[in-house]
């Protein structure tokens, strides 16, 4: 029987910040790819992944600020209350405006929500 080592505690698990650092290292490595097209595609992939990680991290922090457990699994029974929308002051301070329908971050150059399609 093979020894697997000590069990890891939840606090020992990789964090979003560690994942983002990993992606940044991969991005630096990708910039050395000789083929221009392959380099560009890989950099786009990694930059997109970094953006998604940033969005995820911000969403988790937002839920925690509102006292909600971001990793609690819930049943889809329709009784869950969505996170409250940030106050206008918070949105201005963070530089983000949130959709009034689904609470996603709105892109300043779009006239609609990229997540649910609602108009601004």
PDB file of N, CA and C in Angstrom:
ATOM      1  N   UNK A   1       0.840  -1.183   0.000  1.00  0.00           N
ATOM      2  CA  UNK A   1       0.000   0.000   0.000  1.00  0.00           C
ATOM      3  C   UNK A   1       0.883   1.243   0.000  1.00  0.00           C
ATOM      4  N   UNK A   2       0.538   2.178  -0.801  1.00  0.00           N
ATOM      5  CA  UNK A   2       1.316   3.385  -0.994  1.00  0.00           C
ATOM      6  C   UNK A   2       0.944   4.450   0.033  1.00  0.00           C
ATOM      7  N   UNK A   3       1.941   5.098   0.602  1.00  0.00           N
ATOM      8  CA  UNK A   3       1.691   6.168   1.566  1.00  0.00           C
ATOM      9  C   UNK A   3       1.478   7.473   0.800  1.00  0.00           C
ATOM     10  N   UNK A   4       0.381   8.137   1.067  1.00  0.00           N
ATOM     11  CA  UNK A   4       0.023   9.343   0.328  1.00  0.00           C
ATOM     12  C   UNK A   4       0.471  10.620   1.029  1.00  0.00           C
ATOM     13  N   UNK A   5       1.061  10.533   2.178  1.00  0.00           N
ATOM     14  CA  UNK A   5       1.489  11.730   2.897  1.00  0.00           C
ATOM     15  C   UNK A   5       0.370  12.251   3.774  1.00  0.00           C
ATOM     16  N   UNK A   6       0.657  13.277   4.548  1.00  0.00           N
ATOM     17  CA  UNK A   6      -0.355  13.817   5.453  1.00  0.00           C
ATOM     18  C   UNK A   6      -1.507  14.454   4.682  1.00  0.00           C
ATOM     19  N   UNK A   7      -2.682  14.352   5.270  1.00  0.00           N
ATOM     20  CA  UNK A   7      -3.859  14.987   4.654  1.00  0.00           C
ATOM     21  C   UNK A   7      -3.685  16.494   4.723  1.00  0.00           C
ATOM     22  N   UNK A   8      -4.073  17.155   3.657  1.00  0.00           N
ATOM     23  CA  UNK A   8      -3.955  18.615   3.601  1.00  0.00           C
ATOM     24  C   UNK A   8      -5.184  19.263   4.212  1.00  0.00           C
ATOM     25  N   UNK A   9      -4.953  20.269   4.992  1.00  0.00           N
ATOM     26  CA  UNK A   9      -6.059  21.037   5.563  1.00  0.00           C
ATOM     27  C   UNK A   9      -6.598  21.967   4.492  1.00  0.00           C
ATOM     28  N   UNK A  10      -7.846  22.438   4.678  1.00  0.00           N
ATOM     29  CA  UNK A  10      -8.449  23.360   3.717  1.00  0.00           C
ATOM     30  C   UNK A  10      -7.586  24.602   3.543  1.00  0.00           C
ATOM     31  N   UNK A  11      -6.953  25.068   4.623  1.00  0.00           N
ATOM     32  CA  UNK A  11      -6.142  26.282   4.525  1.00  0.00           C
ATOM     33  C   UNK A  11      -4.883  26.054   3.692  1.00  0.00           C
ATOM     34  N   UNK A  12      -4.492  24.786   3.485  1.00  0.00           N
ATOM     35  CA  UNK A  12      -3.313  24.475   2.683  1.00  0.00           C
ATOM     36  C   UNK A  12      -3.630  24.399   1.193  1.00  0.00           C
ATOM     37  N   UNK A  13      -4.888  24.444   0.848  1.00  0.00           N
ATOM     38  CA  UNK A  13      -5.265  24.320  -0.553  1.00  0.00           C
ATOM     39  C   UNK A  13      -4.877  25.567  -1.323  1.00  0.00           C
ATOM     40  N   UNK A  14      -4.627  25.433  -2.619  1.00  0.00           N
ATOM     41  CA  UNK A  14      -4.267  26.604  -3.422  1.00  0.00           C
ATOM     42  C   UNK A  14      -5.368  27.665  -3.375  1.00  0.00           C
ATOM     43  N   UNK A  15      -4.946  28.907  -3.414  1.00  0.00           N
ATOM     44  CA  UNK A  15      -5.888  30.032  -3.372  1.00  0.00           C
ATOM     45  C   UNK A  15      -6.055  30.605  -4.774  1.00  0.00           C
ATOM     46  N   UNK A  16      -7.020  31.485  -4.914  1.00  0.00           N
ATOM     47  CA  UNK A  16      -7.215  32.186  -6.178  1.00  0.00           C
ATOM     48  C   UNK A  16      -5.981  33.029  -6.484  1.00  0.00           C
ATOM     49  N   UNK A  17      -5.406  33.641  -5.458  1.00  0.00           N
ATOM     50  CA  UNK A  17      -4.196  34.439  -5.665  1.00  0.00           C
ATOM     51  C   UNK A  17      -3.051  33.572  -6.187  1.00  0.00           C
ATOM     52  N   UNK A  18      -2.914  32.361  -5.641  1.00  0.00           N
ATOM     53  CA  UNK A  18      -1.864  31.453  -6.119  1.00  0.00           C
ATOM     54  C   UNK A  18      -2.123  31.066  -7.573  1.00  0.00           C
ATOM     55  N   UNK A  19      -3.382  30.832  -7.919  1.00  0.00           N
ATOM     56  CA  UNK A  19      -3.733  30.501  -9.302  1.00  0.00           C
ATOM     57  C   UNK A  19      -3.407  31.672 -10.230  1.00  0.00           C
ATOM     58  N   UNK A  20      -3.706  32.879  -9.782  1.00  0.00           N
ATOM     59  CA  UNK A  20      -3.421  34.061 -10.593  1.00  0.00           C
ATOM     60  C   UNK A  20      -1.908  34.231 -10.791  1.00  0.00           C
ATOM     61  N   UNK A  21      -1.127  33.974  -9.736  1.00  0.00           N
ATOM     62  CA  UNK A  21       0.338  34.038  -9.889  1.00  0.00           C
ATOM     63  C   UNK A  21       0.813  32.974 -10.873  1.00  0.00           C
ATOM     64  N   UNK A  22       0.220  31.794 -10.802  1.00  0.00           N
ATOM     65  CA  UNK A  22       0.560  30.718 -11.744  1.00  0.00           C
ATOM     66  C   UNK A  22       0.278  31.165 -13.179  1.00  0.00           C
ATOM     67  N   UNK A  23      -0.883  31.758 -13.405  1.00  0.00           N
ATOM     68  CA  UNK A  23      -1.227  32.229 -14.745  1.00  0.00           C
ATOM     69  C   UNK A  23      -0.260  33.311 -15.218  1.00  0.00           C
ATOM     70  N   UNK A  24       0.159  34.177 -14.316  1.00  0.00           N
ATOM     71  CA  UNK A  24       1.098  35.227 -14.690  1.00  0.00           C
ATOM     72  C   UNK A  24       2.459  34.645 -15.083  1.00  0.00           C
ATOM     73  N   UNK A  25       2.900  33.611 -14.369  1.00  0.00           N
ATOM     74  CA  UNK A  25       4.154  32.934 -14.730  1.00  0.00           C
ATOM     75  C   UNK A  25       4.005  32.282 -16.099  1.00  0.00           C
ATOM     76  N   UNK A  26       2.875  31.616 -16.320  1.00  0.00           N
ATOM     77  CA  UNK A  26       2.619  30.988 -17.625  1.00  0.00           C
ATOM     78  C   UNK A  26       2.595  32.034 -18.740  1.00  0.00           C
ATOM     79  N   UNK A  27       2.038  33.187 -18.442  1.00  0.00           N
ATOM     80  CA  UNK A  27       1.981  34.263 -19.435  1.00  0.00           C
ATOM     81  C   UNK A  27       3.387  34.739 -19.793  1.00  0.00           C
ATOM     82  N   UNK A  28       4.244  34.886 -18.792  1.00  0.00           N
ATOM     83  CA  UNK A  28       5.627  35.281 -19.064  1.00  0.00           C
ATOM     84  C   UNK A  28       6.326  34.223 -19.919  1.00  0.00           C
ATOM     85  N   UNK A  29       6.078  32.958 -19.617  1.00  0.00           N
ATOM     86  CA  UNK A  29       6.667  31.876 -20.412  1.00  0.00           C
ATOM     87  C   UNK A  29       6.115  31.885 -21.827  1.00  0.00           C
ATOM     88  N   UNK A  30       4.833  32.156 -21.971  1.00  0.00           N
ATOM     89  CA  UNK A  30       4.192  32.149 -23.298  1.00  0.00           C
ATOM     90  C   UNK A  30       4.769  33.237 -24.193  1.00  0.00           C
ATOM     91  N   UNK A  31       5.232  34.312 -23.599  1.00  0.00           N
ATOM     92  CA  UNK A  31       5.805  35.402 -24.393  1.00  0.00           C
ATOM     93  C   UNK A  31       7.123  35.015 -25.067  1.00  0.00           C
ATOM     94  N   UNK A  32       7.652  33.848 -24.697  1.00  0.00           N
ATOM     95  CA  UNK A  32       8.897  33.379 -25.319  1.00  0.00           C
ATOM     96  C   UNK A  32       8.639  32.379 -26.440  1.00  0.00           C
ATOM     97  N   UNK A  33       7.381  32.069 -26.735  1.00  0.00           N
ATOM     98  CA  UNK A  33       7.058  31.122 -27.805  1.00  0.00           C
ATOM     99  C   UNK A  33       7.505  31.730 -29.134  1.00  0.00           C
ATOM    100  N   UNK A  34       8.250  30.945 -29.897  1.00  0.00           N
ATOM    101  CA  UNK A  34       8.845  31.447 -31.138  1.00  0.00           C
ATOM    102  C   UNK A  34       7.804  31.769 -32.204  1.00  0.00           C
ATOM    103  N   UNK A  35       6.831  30.901 -32.390  1.00  0.00           N
ATOM    104  CA  UNK A  35       5.816  31.111 -33.424  1.00  0.00           C
ATOM    105  C   UNK A  35       4.886  32.244 -32.991  1.00  0.00           C
ATOM    106  N   UNK A  36       4.808  33.293 -33.802  1.00  0.00           N
ATOM    107  CA  UNK A  36       4.023  34.474 -33.459  1.00  0.00           C
ATOM    108  C   UNK A  36       2.548  34.197 -33.243  1.00  0.00           C
ATOM    109  N   UNK A  37       1.945  33.397 -34.124  1.00  0.00           N
ATOM    110  CA  UNK A  37       0.513  33.106 -34.006  1.00  0.00           C
ATOM    111  C   UNK A  37       0.239  32.270 -32.757  1.00  0.00           C
ATOM    112  N   UNK A  38       1.060  31.257 -32.538  1.00  0.00           N
ATOM    113  CA  UNK A  38       0.890  30.407 -31.355  1.00  0.00           C
ATOM    114  C   UNK A  38       1.095  31.226 -30.078  1.00  0.00           C
ATOM    115  N   UNK A  39       2.115  32.112 -30.076  1.00  0.00           N
ATOM    116  CA  UNK A  39       2.384  32.981 -28.922  1.00  0.00           C
ATOM    117  C   UNK A  39       1.176  33.868 -28.631  1.00  0.00           C
ATOM    118  N   UNK A  40       0.629  34.494 -29.680  1.00  0.00           N
ATOM    119  CA  UNK A  40      -0.506  35.387 -29.512  1.00  0.00           C
ATOM    120  C   UNK A  40      -1.727  34.638 -28.974  1.00  0.00           C
ATOM    121  N   UNK A  41      -2.027  33.474 -29.523  1.00  0.00           N
ATOM    122  CA  UNK A  41      -3.183  32.694 -29.060  1.00  0.00           C
ATOM    123  C   UNK A  41      -3.029  32.263 -27.607  1.00  0.00           C
ATOM    124  N   UNK A  42      -1.825  31.803 -27.250  1.00  0.00           N
ATOM    125  CA  UNK A  42      -1.599  31.365 -25.877  1.00  0.00           C
ATOM    126  C   UNK A  42      -1.693  32.540 -24.904  1.00  0.00           C
ATOM    127  N   UNK A  43      -1.146  33.685 -25.296  1.00  0.00           N
ATOM    128  CA  UNK A  43      -1.229  34.868 -24.440  1.00  0.00           C
ATOM    129  C   UNK A  43      -2.682  35.296 -24.254  1.00  0.00           C
ATOM    130  N   UNK A  44      -3.469  35.239 -25.308  1.00  0.00           N
ATOM    131  CA  UNK A  44      -4.898  35.572 -25.186  1.00  0.00           C
ATOM    132  C   UNK A  44      -5.604  34.613 -24.232  1.00  0.00           C
ATOM    133  N   UNK A  45      -5.294  33.329 -24.349  1.00  0.00           N
ATOM    134  CA  UNK A  45      -5.906  32.341 -23.448  1.00  0.00           C
ATOM    135  C   UNK A  45      -5.578  32.659 -21.991  1.00  0.00           C
ATOM    136  N   UNK A  46      -4.312  32.904 -21.738  1.00  0.00           N
ATOM    137  CA  UNK A  46      -3.883  33.160 -20.363  1.00  0.00           C
ATOM    138  C   UNK A  46      -4.415  34.484 -19.838  1.00  0.00           C
ATOM    139  N   UNK A  47      -4.449  35.511 -20.678  1.00  0.00           N
ATOM    140  CA  UNK A  47      -5.004  36.796 -20.254  1.00  0.00           C
ATOM    141  C   UNK A  47      -6.495  36.678 -19.956  1.00  0.00           C
ATOM    142  N   UNK A  48      -7.196  35.888 -20.755  1.00  0.00           N
ATOM    143  CA  UNK A  48      -8.631  35.658 -20.505  1.00  0.00           C
ATOM    144  C   UNK A  48      -8.828  34.926 -19.189  1.00  0.00           C
ATOM    145  N   UNK A  49      -8.006  33.928 -18.948  1.00  0.00           N
ATOM    146  CA  UNK A  49      -8.097  33.179 -17.687  1.00  0.00           C
ATOM    147  C   UNK A  49      -7.805  34.092 -16.501  1.00  0.00           C
ATOM    148  N   UNK A  50      -6.831  34.968 -16.640  1.00  0.00           N
ATOM    149  CA  UNK A  50      -6.530  35.925 -15.578  1.00  0.00           C
ATOM    150  C   UNK A  50      -7.713  36.851 -15.311  1.00  0.00           C
ATOM    151  N   UNK A  51      -8.349  37.335 -16.369  1.00  0.00           N
ATOM    152  CA  UNK A  51      -9.511  38.202 -16.202  1.00  0.00           C
ATOM    153  C   UNK A  51     -10.644  37.475 -15.475  1.00  0.00           C
ATOM    154  N   UNK A  52     -10.881  36.228 -15.840  1.00  0.00           N
ATOM    155  CA  UNK A  52     -11.931  35.443 -15.176  1.00  0.00           C
ATOM    156  C   UNK A  52     -11.590  35.220 -13.708  1.00  0.00           C
ATOM    157  N   UNK A  53     -10.318  34.970 -13.409  1.00  0.00           N
ATOM    158  CA  UNK A  53      -9.897  34.778 -12.020  1.00  0.00           C
ATOM    159  C   UNK A  53     -10.114  36.060 -11.218  1.00  0.00           C
ATOM    160  N   UNK A  54      -9.834  37.202 -11.826  1.00  0.00           N
ATOM    161  CA  UNK A  54     -10.047  38.490 -11.152  1.00  0.00           C
ATOM    162  C   UNK A  54     -11.539  38.706 -10.893  1.00  0.00           C
ATOM    163  N   UNK A  55     -12.361  38.422 -11.892  1.00  0.00           N
ATOM    164  CA  UNK A  55     -13.817  38.560 -11.737  1.00  0.00           C
ATOM    165  C   UNK A  55     -14.315  37.648 -10.618  1.00  0.00           C
ATOM    166  N   UNK A  56     -13.846  36.396 -10.617  1.00  0.00           N
ATOM    167  CA  UNK A  56     -14.246  35.429  -9.586  1.00  0.00           C
ATOM    168  C   UNK A  56     -13.834  35.923  -8.201  1.00  0.00           C
ATOM    169  N   UNK A  57     -12.600  36.376  -8.069  1.00  0.00           N
ATOM    170  CA  UNK A  57     -12.103  36.844  -6.775  1.00  0.00           C
ATOM    171  C   UNK A  57     -12.918  38.040  -6.282  1.00  0.00           C
ATOM    172  N   UNK A  58     -13.205  38.981  -7.178  1.00  0.00           N
ATOM    173  CA  UNK A  58     -14.003  40.145  -6.796  1.00  0.00           C
ATOM    174  C   UNK A  58     -15.408  39.747  -6.377  1.00  0.00           C
ATOM    175  N   UNK A  59     -15.995  38.773  -7.072  1.00  0.00           N
ATOM    176  CA  UNK A  59     -17.352  38.319  -6.733  1.00  0.00           C
ATOM    177  C   UNK A  59     -17.377  37.656  -5.360  1.00  0.00           C
ATOM    178  N   UNK A  60     -16.367  36.831  -5.084  1.00  0.00           N
ATOM    179  CA  UNK A  60     -16.281  36.172  -3.775  1.00  0.00           C
ATOM    180  C   UNK A  60     -16.158  37.229  -2.676  1.00  0.00           C
ATOM    181  N   UNK A  61     -15.293  38.219  -2.892  1.00  0.00           N
ATOM    182  CA  UNK A  61     -15.124  39.283  -1.902  1.00  0.00           C
ATOM    183  C   UNK A  61     -16.410  40.075  -1.713  1.00  0.00           C
ATOM    184  N   UNK A  62     -17.137  40.314  -2.800  1.00  0.00           N
ATOM    185  CA  UNK A  62     -18.405  41.045  -2.712  1.00  0.00           C
ATOM    186  C   UNK A  62     -19.423  40.262  -1.887  1.00  0.00           C
ATOM    187  N   UNK A  63     -19.528  38.974  -2.138  1.00  0.00           N
ATOM    188  CA  UNK A  63     -20.461  38.145  -1.376  1.00  0.00           C
ATOM    189  C   UNK A  63     -20.082  38.132   0.106  1.00  0.00           C
ATOM    190  N   UNK A  64     -18.792  38.028   0.388  1.00  0.00           N
ATOM    191  CA  UNK A  64     -18.346  38.014   1.780  1.00  0.00           C
ATOM    192  C   UNK A  64     -18.641  39.344   2.469  1.00  0.00           C
ATOM    193  N   UNK A  65     -18.490  40.463   1.749  1.00  0.00           N
ATOM    194  CA  UNK A  65     -18.814  41.775   2.331  1.00  0.00           C
ATOM    195  C   UNK A  65     -20.284  41.862   2.726  1.00  0.00           C
ATOM    196  N   UNK A  66     -21.125  41.139   1.999  1.00  0.00           N
ATOM    197  CA  UNK A  66     -22.563  41.158   2.285  1.00  0.00           C
ATOM    198  C   UNK A  66     -22.958  40.056   3.259  1.00  0.00           C
ATOM    199  N   UNK A  67     -21.966  39.383   3.824  1.00  0.00           N
ATOM    200  CA  UNK A  67     -22.233  38.363   4.825  1.00  0.00           C
ATOM    201  C   UNK A  67     -22.745  37.053   4.259  1.00  0.00           C
ATOM    202  N   UNK A  68     -22.544  36.827   2.973  1.00  0.00           N
ATOM    203  CA  UNK A  68     -22.999  35.585   2.352  1.00  0.00           C
ATOM    204  C   UNK A  68     -21.836  34.620   2.201  1.00  0.00           C
ATOM    205  N   UNK A  69     -22.108  33.340   2.364  1.00  0.00           N
ATOM    206  CA  UNK A  69     -21.089  32.308   2.197  1.00  0.00           C
ATOM    207  C   UNK A  69     -20.965  32.001   0.711  1.00  0.00           C
ATOM    208  N   UNK A  70     -19.844  32.350   0.083  1.00  0.00           N
ATOM    209  CA  UNK A  70     -19.722  32.197  -1.372  1.00  0.00           C
ATOM    210  C   UNK A  70     -19.585  30.755  -1.843  1.00  0.00           C
ATOM    211  N   UNK A  71     -19.272  29.835  -0.955  1.00  0.00           N
ATOM    212  CA  UNK A  71     -19.077  28.452  -1.395  1.00  0.00           C
ATOM    213  C   UNK A  71     -20.150  27.500  -0.883  1.00  0.00           C
ATOM    214  N   UNK A  72     -21.188  28.034  -0.272  1.00  0.00           N
ATOM    215  CA  UNK A  72     -22.265  27.192   0.225  1.00  0.00           C
ATOM    216  C   UNK A  72     -23.071  26.656  -0.951  1.00  0.00           C
ATOM    217  N   UNK A  73     -23.266  25.357  -0.977  1.00  0.00           N
ATOM    218  CA  UNK A  73     -24.072  24.755  -2.028  1.00  0.00           C
ATOM    219  C   UNK A  73     -25.536  24.891  -1.661  1.00  0.00           C
ATOM    220  N   UNK A  74     -26.343  25.286  -2.619  1.00  0.00           N
ATOM    221  CA  UNK A  74     -27.762  25.498  -2.360  1.00  0.00           C
ATOM    222  C   UNK A  74     -28.591  24.753  -3.397  1.00  0.00           C
ATOM    223  N   UNK A  75     -29.785  24.438  -3.022  1.00  0.00           N
ATOM    224  CA  UNK A  75     -30.734  23.825  -3.939  1.00  0.00           C
ATOM    225  C   UNK A  75     -31.367  24.923  -4.784  1.00  0.00           C
ATOM    226  N   UNK A  76     -31.699  24.627  -6.013  1.00  0.00           N
ATOM    227  CA  UNK A  76     -32.315  25.596  -6.907  1.00  0.00           C
ATOM    228  C   UNK A  76     -33.818  25.672  -6.729  1.00  0.00           C
ATOM    229  N   UNK A  77     -34.282  26.009  -5.519  1.00  0.00           N
ATOM    230  CA  UNK A  77     -35.716  26.047  -5.256  1.00  0.00           C
ATOM    231  C   UNK A  77     -36.329  27.425  -5.446  1.00  0.00           C
ATOM    232  N   UNK A  78     -35.528  28.407  -5.828  1.00  0.00           N
ATOM    233  CA  UNK A  78     -36.064  29.733  -6.100  1.00  0.00           C
ATOM    234  C   UNK A  78     -36.272  30.592  -4.868  1.00  0.00           C
ATOM    235  N   UNK A  79     -35.935  30.096  -3.675  1.00  0.00           N
ATOM    236  CA  UNK A  79     -36.129  30.896  -2.462  1.00  0.00           C
ATOM    237  C   UNK A  79     -34.873  31.652  -2.076  1.00  0.00           C
ATOM    238  N   UNK A  80     -33.804  31.483  -2.814  1.00  0.00           N
ATOM    239  CA  UNK A  80     -32.557  32.167  -2.485  1.00  0.00           C
ATOM    240  C   UNK A  80     -32.647  33.639  -2.867  1.00  0.00           C
ATOM    241  N   UNK A  81     -32.195  34.464  -1.967  1.00  0.00           N
ATOM    242  CA  UNK A  81     -32.185  35.892  -2.210  1.00  0.00           C
ATOM    243  C   UNK A  81     -30.841  36.263  -2.829  1.00  0.00           C
ATOM    244  N   UNK A  82     -30.844  36.982  -3.961  1.00  0.00           N
ATOM    245  CA  UNK A  82     -29.564  37.376  -4.557  1.00  0.00           C
ATOM    246  C   UNK A  82     -28.833  38.380  -3.675  1.00  0.00           C
ATOM    247  N   UNK A  83     -27.537  38.471  -3.865  1.00  0.00           N
ATOM    248  CA  UNK A  83     -26.739  39.432  -3.108  1.00  0.00           C
ATOM    249  C   UNK A  83     -27.255  40.840  -3.386  1.00  0.00           C
ATOM    250  N   UNK A  84     -27.275  41.672  -2.374  1.00  0.00           N
ATOM    251  CA  UNK A  84     -27.745  43.039  -2.604  1.00  0.00           C
ATOM    252  C   UNK A  84     -26.816  43.769  -3.562  1.00  0.00           C
ATOM    253  N   UNK A  85     -27.396  44.653  -4.335  1.00  0.00           N
ATOM    254  CA  UNK A  85     -26.599  45.442  -5.272  1.00  0.00           C
ATOM    255  C   UNK A  85     -25.713  46.389  -4.487  1.00  0.00           C
ATOM    256  N   UNK A  86     -24.517  46.652  -4.987  1.00  0.00           N
ATOM    257  CA  UNK A  86     -23.667  47.607  -4.281  1.00  0.00           C
ATOM    258  C   UNK A  86     -24.280  48.998  -4.341  1.00  0.00           C
ATOM    259  N   UNK A  87     -23.987  49.774  -3.331  1.00  0.00           N
ATOM    260  CA  UNK A  87     -24.465  51.154  -3.325  1.00  0.00           C
ATOM    261  C   UNK A  87     -23.757  51.916  -4.426  1.00  0.00           C
ATOM    262  N   UNK A  88     -24.378  52.986  -4.881  1.00  0.00           N
ATOM    263  CA  UNK A  88     -23.804  53.780  -5.964  1.00  0.00           C
ATOM    264  C   UNK A  88     -22.404  54.267  -5.588  1.00  0.00           C
ATOM    265  N   UNK A  89     -22.217  54.631  -4.340  1.00  0.00           N
ATOM    266  CA  UNK A  89     -20.909  55.108  -3.887  1.00  0.00           C
ATOM    267  C   UNK A  89     -19.875  54.001  -4.037  1.00  0.00           C
ATOM    268  N   UNK A  90     -20.246  52.760  -3.652  1.00  0.00           N
ATOM    269  CA  UNK A  90     -19.321  51.631  -3.787  1.00  0.00           C
ATOM    270  C   UNK A  90     -18.980  51.390  -5.247  1.00  0.00           C
ATOM    271  N   UNK A  91     -19.966  51.468  -6.107  1.00  0.00           N
ATOM    272  CA  UNK A  91     -19.731  51.251  -7.529  1.00  0.00           C
ATOM    273  C   UNK A  91     -18.789  52.303  -8.091  1.00  0.00           C
ATOM    274  N   UNK A  92     -18.984  53.548  -7.684  1.00  0.00           N
ATOM    275  CA  UNK A  92     -18.110  54.619  -8.159  1.00  0.00           C
ATOM    276  C   UNK A  92     -16.698  54.451  -7.626  1.00  0.00           C
ATOM    277  N   UNK A  93     -16.585  54.050  -6.365  1.00  0.00           N
ATOM    278  CA  UNK A  93     -15.268  53.882  -5.768  1.00  0.00           C
ATOM    279  C   UNK A  93     -14.520  52.715  -6.384  1.00  0.00           C
ATOM    280  N   UNK A  94     -15.220  51.659  -6.706  1.00  0.00           N
ATOM    281  CA  UNK A  94     -14.561  50.482  -7.281  1.00  0.00           C
ATOM    282  C   UNK A  94     -14.397  50.622  -8.788  1.00  0.00           C
ATOM    283  N   UNK A  95     -15.104  51.576  -9.380  1.00  0.00           N
ATOM    284  CA  UNK A  95     -15.018  51.756 -10.818  1.00  0.00           C
ATOM    285  C   UNK A  95     -15.933  50.829 -11.584  1.00  0.00           C
ATOM    286  N   UNK A  96     -16.774  50.087 -10.875  1.00  0.00           N
ATOM    287  CA  UNK A  96     -17.666  49.138 -11.529  1.00  0.00           C
ATOM    288  C   UNK A  96     -19.114  49.529 -11.298  1.00  0.00           C
ATOM    289  N   UNK A  97     -19.923  49.383 -12.318  1.00  0.00           N
ATOM    290  CA  UNK A  97     -21.363  49.549 -12.201  1.00  0.00           C
ATOM    291  C   UNK A  97     -21.957  48.159 -12.379  1.00  0.00           C
ATOM    292  N   UNK A  98     -22.949  47.831 -11.565  1.00  0.00           N
ATOM    293  CA  UNK A  98     -23.528  46.492 -11.600  1.00  0.00           C
ATOM    294  C   UNK A  98     -24.915  46.502 -12.222  1.00  0.00           C
ATOM    295  N   UNK A  99     -25.246  45.421 -12.889  1.00  0.00           N
ATOM    296  CA  UNK A  99     -26.547  45.241 -13.529  1.00  0.00           C
ATOM    297  C   UNK A  99     -27.638  45.210 -12.462  1.00  0.00           C
ATOM    298  N   UNK A 100     -28.726  45.907 -12.714  1.00  0.00           N
ATOM    299  CA  UNK A 100     -29.843  45.912 -11.787  1.00  0.00           C
ATOM    300  C   UNK A 100     -30.629  44.620 -11.800  1.00  0.00           C
ATOM    301  N   UNK A 101     -30.451  43.799 -12.828  1.00  0.00           N
ATOM    302  CA  UNK A 101     -31.180  42.543 -12.941  1.00  0.00           C
ATOM    303  C   UNK A 101     -30.424  41.376 -12.320  1.00  0.00           C
ATOM    304  N   UNK A 102     -29.155  41.193 -12.738  1.00  0.00           N
ATOM    305  CA  UNK A 102     -28.411  40.013 -12.292  1.00  0.00           C
ATOM    306  C   UNK A 102     -27.188  40.346 -11.441  1.00  0.00           C
ATOM    307  N   UNK A 103     -26.908  41.611 -11.243  1.00  0.00           N
ATOM    308  CA  UNK A 103     -25.812  42.095 -10.401  1.00  0.00           C
ATOM    309  C   UNK A 103     -24.418  41.881 -11.007  1.00  0.00           C
ATOM    310  N   UNK A 104     -24.328  41.509 -12.272  1.00  0.00           N
ATOM    311  CA  UNK A 104     -23.030  41.346 -12.925  1.00  0.00           C
ATOM    312  C   UNK A 104     -22.400  42.710 -13.159  1.00  0.00           C
ATOM    313  N   UNK A 105     -21.085  42.725 -13.276  1.00  0.00           N
ATOM    314  CA  UNK A 105     -20.381  43.969 -13.558  1.00  0.00           C
ATOM    315  C   UNK A 105     -20.667  44.368 -14.999  1.00  0.00           C
ATOM    316  N   UNK A 106     -21.078  45.633 -15.187  1.00  0.00           N
ATOM    317  CA  UNK A 106     -21.383  46.132 -16.524  1.00  0.00           C
ATOM    318  C   UNK A 106     -20.140  46.733 -17.162  1.00  0.00           C
ATOM    319  N   UNK A 107     -19.987  46.476 -18.435  1.00  0.00           N
ATOM    320  CA  UNK A 107     -18.897  47.062 -19.196  1.00  0.00           C
ATOM    321  C   UNK A 107     -19.306  48.484 -19.575  1.00  0.00           C
ATOM    322  N   UNK A 108     -18.421  49.463 -19.389  1.00  0.00           N
ATOM    323  CA  UNK A 108     -18.808  50.851 -19.656  1.00  0.00           C
ATOM    324  C   UNK A 108     -19.147  51.131 -21.116  1.00  0.00           C
ATOM    325  N   UNK A 109     -18.594  50.360 -22.049  1.00  0.00           N
ATOM    326  CA  UNK A 109     -18.832  50.637 -23.467  1.00  0.00           C
ATOM    327  C   UNK A 109     -20.003  49.861 -24.048  1.00  0.00           C
ATOM    328  N   UNK A 110     -20.686  49.056 -23.235  1.00  0.00           N
ATOM    329  CA  UNK A 110     -21.844  48.302 -23.716  1.00  0.00           C
ATOM    330  C   UNK A 110     -23.137  48.929 -23.200  1.00  0.00           C
ATOM    331  N   UNK A 111     -24.177  48.868 -24.008  1.00  0.00           N
ATOM    332  CA  UNK A 111     -25.478  49.418 -23.615  1.00  0.00           C
ATOM    333  C   UNK A 111     -26.361  48.356 -22.971  1.00  0.00           C
ATOM    334  N   UNK A 112     -25.790  47.169 -22.717  1.00  0.00           N
ATOM    335  CA  UNK A 112     -26.541  46.062 -22.125  1.00  0.00           C
ATOM    336  C   UNK A 112     -25.628  45.259 -21.226  1.00  0.00           C
ATOM    337  N   UNK A 113     -26.222  44.403 -20.402  1.00  0.00           N
ATOM    338  CA  UNK A 113     -25.466  43.539 -19.501  1.00  0.00           C
ATOM    339  C   UNK A 113     -24.921  42.347 -20.291  1.00  0.00           C
ATOM    340  N   UNK A 114     -23.617  42.071 -20.234  1.00  0.00           N
ATOM    341  CA  UNK A 114     -23.073  40.944 -20.968  1.00  0.00           C
ATOM    342  C   UNK A 114     -23.488  39.597 -20.382  1.00  0.00           C
ATOM    343  N   UNK A 115     -23.954  39.586 -19.127  1.00  0.00           N
ATOM    344  CA  UNK A 115     -24.351  38.323 -18.498  1.00  0.00           C
ATOM    345  C   UNK A 115     -25.800  37.941 -18.810  1.00  0.00           C
ATOM    346  N   UNK A 116     -26.725  38.909 -18.690  1.00  0.00           N
ATOM    347  CA  UNK A 116     -28.139  38.558 -18.854  1.00  0.00           C
ATOM    348  C   UNK A 116     -28.807  39.267 -20.024  1.00  0.00           C
ATOM    349  N   UNK A 117     -28.136  40.255 -20.617  1.00  0.00           N
ATOM    350  CA  UNK A 117     -28.697  40.948 -21.781  1.00  0.00           C
ATOM    351  C   UNK A 117     -29.600  42.122 -21.459  1.00  0.00           C
ATOM    352  N   UNK A 118     -29.805  42.400 -20.153  1.00  0.00           N
ATOM    353  CA  UNK A 118     -30.668  43.521 -19.788  1.00  0.00           C
ATOM    354  C   UNK A 118     -30.044  44.836 -20.241  1.00  0.00           C
ATOM    355  N   UNK A 119     -30.872  45.760 -20.678  1.00  0.00           N
ATOM    356  CA  UNK A 119     -30.356  47.070 -21.100  1.00  0.00           C
ATOM    357  C   UNK A 119     -30.020  47.894 -19.871  1.00  0.00           C
ATOM    358  N   UNK A 120     -29.013  48.755 -20.040  1.00  0.00           N
ATOM    359  CA  UNK A 120     -28.601  49.630 -18.915  1.00  0.00           C
ATOM    360  C   UNK A 120     -29.711  50.600 -18.579  1.00  0.00           C
TER     361      UNK A 120
END
